[in-house]
Every structure is written in structure tokens, then in C-alpha cells.
Amino acid sequence: MVILFSLSACSIWEKNERQVHSPPSTVSDIEKLPIKIDQNIIERINWEVSPVFQSGNCLMRGVPNKVGFIDAPFTANQGNKYMWHFWGDSIPEGKLTIVAVKKGSNDVAPALTVDGKSVWTTSVPGSPNNGADAHIPSNMKLRESGTWALLIYLGNTYWDYVVIDVH
């Protein structure tokens, strides 16, 4: 009995590790996840939708004085444009990677799209804009409605997360 329980627990742990460190099999034709996600980041997500705040003439959703995008609604399986903004003296260099995690699941999915295809990574943030120290335009789409956390990486550095509701 003890051996069967141990084997079962190991199998469940390995399955969860694969889900956190690799893209879901339901998303086809996407590149491998370019960064390693620390399971502790997912476990510490506060699933309350991130606040809206003013920067320049824009309303942003995110973490004030750190990261946000011009607030626009998310509708399941419909792409839209979102302008990311970053604040700080030491913003990490590198391409923007967004990893989406759905509340109640360890599955990860790409949130960014390029030419209609789901991708993990896009370009490098550029010049200041709307009161932020750097910005980058993007397109995003999430496959299902619900509450999602968008884990934000610049290069290989985890920056923060933004929680959104997808209708």
C-alpha cells in the first residue's frame, strides 16, 4: 500500500512539474518555453485582479511604478493590442516573455501573439512612453475565460505578474 501511494504521489508531482516547465499540449505549433518558471512564483500569486492606475494620460492595469499595460478588456480566444510599460532604474535587458497561468491550474500558456500565432516571447522594450521608463507594443490572446496571471519576464529575469479577468 505504502509503495503504491508513493509511486502515485511521485507520478502526480512529475505531471505537475511537466505542466509548469513545458507548454500545454493543447497549444500547437509553439516554441518551447524559453525560461524556467519557479513553482514558488505560481504558488504565491494573489489572485485578486490587478489594479488600474493612471500614468500620463493612460489608465494602466498592473503594478504601479513597476509594470502595466494600457487597460483593455480580454475576451476569450480573441486577440487585442496591449501596450506594456515598465518603470525603474534597473529594468532588466532582454526580450519580453509573457507566461499565462490560469487560476486553479498549473498549466501554462503563451499569452503573446505574432501574426496570429501564439508565442512566448516578443521584442525588447524600447524608449520611455506615457510616464514609464520603457514600453513595448504587443498583441495578446488567451484561450479560455477565467482569471489569469500574466508572469512577466525580461530576458531571463522574472519581473512581476499582472492578474486579469478574461470574459
C-alpha atoms as a PDB file:
ATOM      1  CA  MET A   1       0.000   0.000   0.000  1.00  0.00           C
ATOM      2  CA  VAL A   2       2.736   2.440   1.002  1.00  0.00           C
ATOM      3  CA  ILE A   3       4.695   1.719  -2.182  1.00  0.00           C
ATOM      4  CA  LEU A   4       1.619   2.285  -4.365  1.00  0.00           C
ATOM      5  CA  PHE A   5       0.864   5.575  -2.592  1.00  0.00           C
ATOM      6  CA  SER A   6       4.476   6.737  -3.016  1.00  0.00           C
ATOM      7  CA  LEU A   7       4.501   5.872  -6.714  1.00  0.00           C
ATOM      8  CA  SER A   8       1.184   7.657  -7.197  1.00  0.00           C
ATOM      9  CA  ALA A   9       2.424  10.790  -5.392  1.00  0.00           C
ATOM     10  CA  CYS A  10       5.618  10.845  -7.477  1.00  0.00           C
ATOM     11  CA  SER A  11       3.616  10.484 -10.662  1.00  0.00           C
ATOM     12  CA  ILE A  12       1.361  13.416  -9.737  1.00  0.00           C
ATOM     13  CA  TRP A  13       4.401  15.566  -8.807  1.00  0.00           C
ATOM     14  CA  GLU A  14       6.152  14.747 -12.100  1.00  0.00           C
ATOM     15  CA  LYS A  15       2.999  15.603 -14.073  1.00  0.00           C
ATOM     16  CA  ASN A  16       2.740  18.990 -12.300  1.00  0.00           C
ATOM     17  CA  GLU A  17       6.439  19.688 -12.933  1.00  0.00           C
ATOM     18  CA  ARG A  18       5.986  18.963 -16.658  1.00  0.00           C
ATOM     19  CA  GLN A  19       2.963  21.268 -16.832  1.00  0.00           C
ATOM     20  CA  VAL A  20       4.826  24.152 -15.188  1.00  0.00           C
ATOM     21  CA  HIS A  21       8.031  23.716 -17.212  1.00  0.00           C
ATOM     22  CA  SER A  22       6.611  22.993 -20.642  1.00  0.00           C
ATOM     23  CA  PRO A  23       3.816  24.327 -22.832  1.00  0.00           C
ATOM     24  CA  PRO A  24       0.447  22.588 -22.772  1.00  0.00           C
ATOM     25  CA  SER A  25      -0.143  20.007 -25.464  1.00  0.00           C
ATOM     26  CA  THR A  26      -3.375  21.772 -26.465  1.00  0.00           C
ATOM     27  CA  VAL A  27      -1.439  24.663 -27.983  1.00  0.00           C
ATOM     28  CA  SER A  28       0.098  23.561 -31.263  1.00  0.00           C
ATOM     29  CA  ASP A  29       2.972  24.992 -33.273  1.00  0.00           C
ATOM     30  CA  ILE A  30       4.540  26.995 -30.448  1.00  0.00           C
ATOM     31  CA  GLU A  31       8.157  27.134 -29.467  1.00  0.00           C
ATOM     32  CA  LYS A  32       9.377  25.642 -26.184  1.00  0.00           C
ATOM     33  CA  LEU A  33       9.106  27.793 -23.093  1.00  0.00           C
ATOM     34  CA  PRO A  34      12.324  29.886 -23.179  1.00  0.00           C
ATOM     35  CA  ILE A  35      12.608  30.430 -19.410  1.00  0.00           C
ATOM     36  CA  LYS A  36      12.339  28.260 -16.326  1.00  0.00           C
ATOM     37  CA  ILE A  37       9.413  29.072 -14.066  1.00  0.00           C
ATOM     38  CA  ASP A  38       9.926  28.819 -10.317  1.00  0.00           C
ATOM     39  CA  GLN A  39       6.934  26.918  -8.880  1.00  0.00           C
ATOM     40  CA  ASN A  40       7.050  29.270  -5.849  1.00  0.00           C
ATOM     41  CA  ILE A  41       6.075  32.185  -8.098  1.00  0.00           C
ATOM     42  CA  ILE A  42       2.858  30.417  -9.089  1.00  0.00           C
ATOM     43  CA  GLU A  43       2.119  29.343  -5.510  1.00  0.00           C
ATOM     44  CA  ARG A  44       2.471  32.948  -4.253  1.00  0.00           C
ATOM     45  CA  ILE A  45       0.125  34.570  -6.790  1.00  0.00           C
ATOM     46  CA  ASN A  46      -2.510  36.773  -5.189  1.00  0.00           C
ATOM     47  CA  TRP A  47      -5.449  36.025  -7.492  1.00  0.00           C
ATOM     48  CA  GLU A  48      -7.134  39.397  -6.930  1.00  0.00           C
ATOM     49  CA  VAL A  49      -7.378  41.249 -10.248  1.00  0.00           C
ATOM     50  CA  SER A  50      -4.539  43.783 -10.517  1.00  0.00           C
ATOM     51  CA  PRO A  51      -5.482  47.424 -10.002  1.00  0.00           C
ATOM     52  CA  VAL A  52      -5.945  50.108 -12.620  1.00  0.00           C
ATOM     53  CA  PHE A  53      -3.758  53.200 -12.173  1.00  0.00           C
ATOM     54  CA  GLN A  54      -3.059  56.438 -14.033  1.00  0.00           C
ATOM     55  CA  SER A  55       0.222  57.043 -15.852  1.00  0.00           C
ATOM     56  CA  GLY A  56       0.485  60.012 -18.146  1.00  0.00           C
ATOM     57  CA  ASN A  57      -2.858  60.255 -19.941  1.00  0.00           C
ATOM     58  CA  CYS A  58      -3.456  56.475 -19.798  1.00  0.00           C
ATOM     59  CA  LEU A  59      -5.153  54.061 -17.457  1.00  0.00           C
ATOM     60  CA  MET A  60      -2.867  51.086 -16.856  1.00  0.00           C
ATOM     61  CA  ARG A  61      -3.530  47.690 -15.310  1.00  0.00           C
ATOM     62  CA  GLY A  62      -0.707  46.172 -13.341  1.00  0.00           C
ATOM     63  CA  VAL A  63       1.718  47.032 -10.557  1.00  0.00           C
ATOM     64  CA  PRO A  64       2.035  50.813 -10.120  1.00  0.00           C
ATOM     65  CA  ASN A  65       5.552  52.156 -10.712  1.00  0.00           C
ATOM     66  CA  LYS A  66       6.774  48.737 -11.922  1.00  0.00           C
ATOM     67  CA  VAL A  67       4.806  47.197 -14.814  1.00  0.00           C
ATOM     68  CA  GLY A  68       1.473  47.615 -16.539  1.00  0.00           C
ATOM     69  CA  PHE A  69      -0.304  47.757 -19.853  1.00  0.00           C
ATOM     70  CA  ILE A  70      -2.885  50.183 -21.173  1.00  0.00           C
ATOM     71  CA  ASP A  71      -6.086  48.718 -19.772  1.00  0.00           C
ATOM     72  CA  ALA A  72      -8.259  46.978 -22.332  1.00  0.00           C
ATOM     73  CA  PRO A  73     -10.698  44.104 -21.800  1.00  0.00           C
ATOM     74  CA  PHE A  74      -9.756  40.494 -22.546  1.00  0.00           C
ATOM     75  CA  THR A  75     -12.229  38.262 -24.359  1.00  0.00           C
ATOM     76  CA  ALA A  76     -11.505  34.537 -24.579  1.00  0.00           C
ATOM     77  CA  ASN A  77      -9.938  33.440 -27.866  1.00  0.00           C
ATOM     78  CA  GLN A  78      -9.921  36.987 -29.292  1.00  0.00           C
ATOM     79  CA  GLY A  79      -6.687  38.865 -29.833  1.00  0.00           C
ATOM     80  CA  ASN A  80      -6.192  42.513 -28.997  1.00  0.00           C
ATOM     81  CA  LYS A  81      -3.368  45.070 -28.838  1.00  0.00           C
ATOM     82  CA  TYR A  82      -1.787  45.860 -25.468  1.00  0.00           C
ATOM     83  CA  MET A  83       0.998  48.369 -24.791  1.00  0.00           C
ATOM     84  CA  TRP A  84       3.293  47.187 -21.964  1.00  0.00           C
ATOM     85  CA  HIS A  85       5.062  49.787 -19.801  1.00  0.00           C
ATOM     86  CA  PHE A  86       7.964  49.341 -17.368  1.00  0.00           C
ATOM     87  CA  TRP A  87       9.260  51.603 -14.602  1.00  0.00           C
ATOM     88  CA  GLY A  88      12.550  51.570 -12.716  1.00  0.00           C
ATOM     89  CA  ASP A  89      16.214  52.433 -12.845  1.00  0.00           C
ATOM     90  CA  SER A  90      17.278  48.819 -13.326  1.00  0.00           C
ATOM     91  CA  ILE A  91      14.814  47.327 -15.795  1.00  0.00           C
ATOM     92  CA  PRO A  92      16.367  44.032 -16.951  1.00  0.00           C
ATOM     93  CA  GLU A  93      17.520  43.880 -20.565  1.00  0.00           C
ATOM     94  CA  GLY A  94      16.151  41.322 -22.950  1.00  0.00           C
ATOM     95  CA  LYS A  95      13.082  40.260 -24.834  1.00  0.00           C
ATOM     96  CA  LEU A  96       9.636  40.306 -23.231  1.00  0.00           C
ATOM     97  CA  THR A  97       8.207  36.880 -22.350  1.00  0.00           C
ATOM     98  CA  ILE A  98       4.660  36.527 -21.007  1.00  0.00           C
ATOM     99  CA  VAL A  99       3.592  33.227 -19.437  1.00  0.00           C
ATOM    100  CA  ALA A 100      -0.117  32.918 -18.641  1.00  0.00           C
ATOM    101  CA  VAL A 101      -1.292  30.749 -15.731  1.00  0.00           C
ATOM    102  CA  LYS A 102      -4.999  30.081 -15.234  1.00  0.00           C
ATOM    103  CA  LYS A 103      -6.328  30.184 -11.671  1.00  0.00           C
ATOM    104  CA  GLY A 104      -6.840  26.671 -10.314  1.00  0.00           C
ATOM    105  CA  SER A 105      -4.389  25.124 -12.760  1.00  0.00           C
ATOM    106  CA  ASN A 106      -0.643  24.621 -13.066  1.00  0.00           C
ATOM    107  CA  ASP A 107      -0.928  24.678 -16.855  1.00  0.00           C
ATOM    108  CA  VAL A 108       0.951  27.472 -18.566  1.00  0.00           C
ATOM    109  CA  ALA A 109       0.177  29.024 -21.935  1.00  0.00           C
ATOM    110  CA  PRO A 110       1.663  31.740 -24.118  1.00  0.00           C
ATOM    111  CA  ALA A 111      -0.292  34.995 -23.973  1.00  0.00           C
ATOM    112  CA  LEU A 112       1.516  36.847 -26.755  1.00  0.00           C
ATOM    113  CA  THR A 113       0.673  36.508 -30.423  1.00  0.00           C
ATOM    114  CA  VAL A 114       2.653  37.442 -33.516  1.00  0.00           C
ATOM    115  CA  ASP A 115       0.941  37.253 -36.908  1.00  0.00           C
ATOM    116  CA  GLY A 116      -1.920  35.339 -35.262  1.00  0.00           C
ATOM    117  CA  LYS A 117       0.337  32.612 -33.807  1.00  0.00           C
ATOM    118  CA  SER A 118       0.802  32.085 -30.074  1.00  0.00           C
ATOM    119  CA  VAL A 119       4.364  32.796 -28.935  1.00  0.00           C
ATOM    120  CA  TRP A 120       6.136  33.032 -25.606  1.00  0.00           C
ATOM    121  CA  THR A 121       8.451  35.920 -26.464  1.00  0.00           C
ATOM    122  CA  THR A 122       8.411  39.145 -28.454  1.00  0.00           C
ATOM    123  CA  SER A 123      10.825  42.060 -28.866  1.00  0.00           C
ATOM    124  CA  VAL A 124      12.873  44.117 -26.411  1.00  0.00           C
ATOM    125  CA  PRO A 125      11.152  47.079 -24.705  1.00  0.00           C
ATOM    126  CA  GLY A 126      12.174  50.459 -26.083  1.00  0.00           C
ATOM    127  CA  SER A 127      12.037  54.117 -25.166  1.00  0.00           C
ATOM    128  CA  PRO A 128      10.037  55.879 -22.430  1.00  0.00           C
ATOM    129  CA  ASN A 129       6.331  56.438 -23.062  1.00  0.00           C
ATOM    130  CA  ASN A 130       3.227  57.531 -21.105  1.00  0.00           C
ATOM    131  CA  GLY A 131       5.282  58.300 -17.979  1.00  0.00           C
ATOM    132  CA  ALA A 132       7.054  54.910 -17.981  1.00  0.00           C
ATOM    133  CA  ASP A 133      10.786  54.333 -18.445  1.00  0.00           C
ATOM    134  CA  ALA A 134      10.307  51.783 -21.248  1.00  0.00           C
ATOM    135  CA  HIS A 135       7.459  50.368 -23.315  1.00  0.00           C
ATOM    136  CA  ILE A 136       6.660  47.765 -25.947  1.00  0.00           C
ATOM    137  CA  PRO A 137       3.527  47.154 -28.028  1.00  0.00           C
ATOM    138  CA  SER A 138       2.199  43.607 -28.141  1.00  0.00           C
ATOM    139  CA  ASN A 139      -0.742  41.500 -29.181  1.00  0.00           C
ATOM    140  CA  MET A 140      -2.202  39.031 -26.691  1.00  0.00           C
ATOM    141  CA  LYS A 141      -4.867  36.356 -26.681  1.00  0.00           C
ATOM    142  CA  LEU A 142      -5.937  33.817 -24.050  1.00  0.00           C
ATOM    143  CA  ARG A 143      -7.867  30.687 -24.995  1.00  0.00           C
ATOM    144  CA  GLU A 144     -10.347  30.481 -22.108  1.00  0.00           C
ATOM    145  CA  SER A 145     -12.374  32.761 -19.873  1.00  0.00           C
ATOM    146  CA  GLY A 146     -11.472  32.977 -16.200  1.00  0.00           C
ATOM    147  CA  THR A 147      -8.866  34.598 -14.002  1.00  0.00           C
ATOM    148  CA  TRP A 148      -5.319  34.504 -15.358  1.00  0.00           C
ATOM    149  CA  ALA A 149      -1.940  35.641 -14.049  1.00  0.00           C
ATOM    150  CA  LEU A 150       0.459  37.009 -16.651  1.00  0.00           C
ATOM    151  CA  LEU A 151       4.008  36.260 -15.471  1.00  0.00           C
ATOM    152  CA  ILE A 152       6.365  38.857 -16.927  1.00  0.00           C
ATOM    153  CA  TYR A 153       9.982  38.119 -17.802  1.00  0.00           C
ATOM    154  CA  LEU A 154      12.548  40.434 -19.356  1.00  0.00           C
ATOM    155  CA  GLY A 155      15.351  38.338 -20.748  1.00  0.00           C
ATOM    156  CA  ASN A 156      15.752  35.542 -18.197  1.00  0.00           C
ATOM    157  CA  THR A 157      14.683  37.759 -15.290  1.00  0.00           C
ATOM    158  CA  TYR A 158      11.268  37.373 -13.667  1.00  0.00           C
ATOM    159  CA  TRP A 159       9.917  40.925 -13.274  1.00  0.00           C
ATOM    160  CA  ASP A 160       6.411  40.566 -11.751  1.00  0.00           C
ATOM    161  CA  TYR A 161       2.883  39.451 -12.628  1.00  0.00           C
ATOM    162  CA  VAL A 162      -0.449  41.019 -13.535  1.00  0.00           C
ATOM    163  CA  VAL A 163      -3.784  39.298 -12.789  1.00  0.00           C
ATOM    164  CA  ILE A 164      -6.628  39.789 -15.263  1.00  0.00           C
ATOM    165  CA  ASP A 165     -10.171  38.552 -15.870  1.00  0.00           C
ATOM    166  CA  VAL A 166     -10.862  37.087 -19.293  1.00  0.00           C
ATOM    167  CA  HIS A 167     -14.531  37.193 -20.320  1.00  0.00           C
END
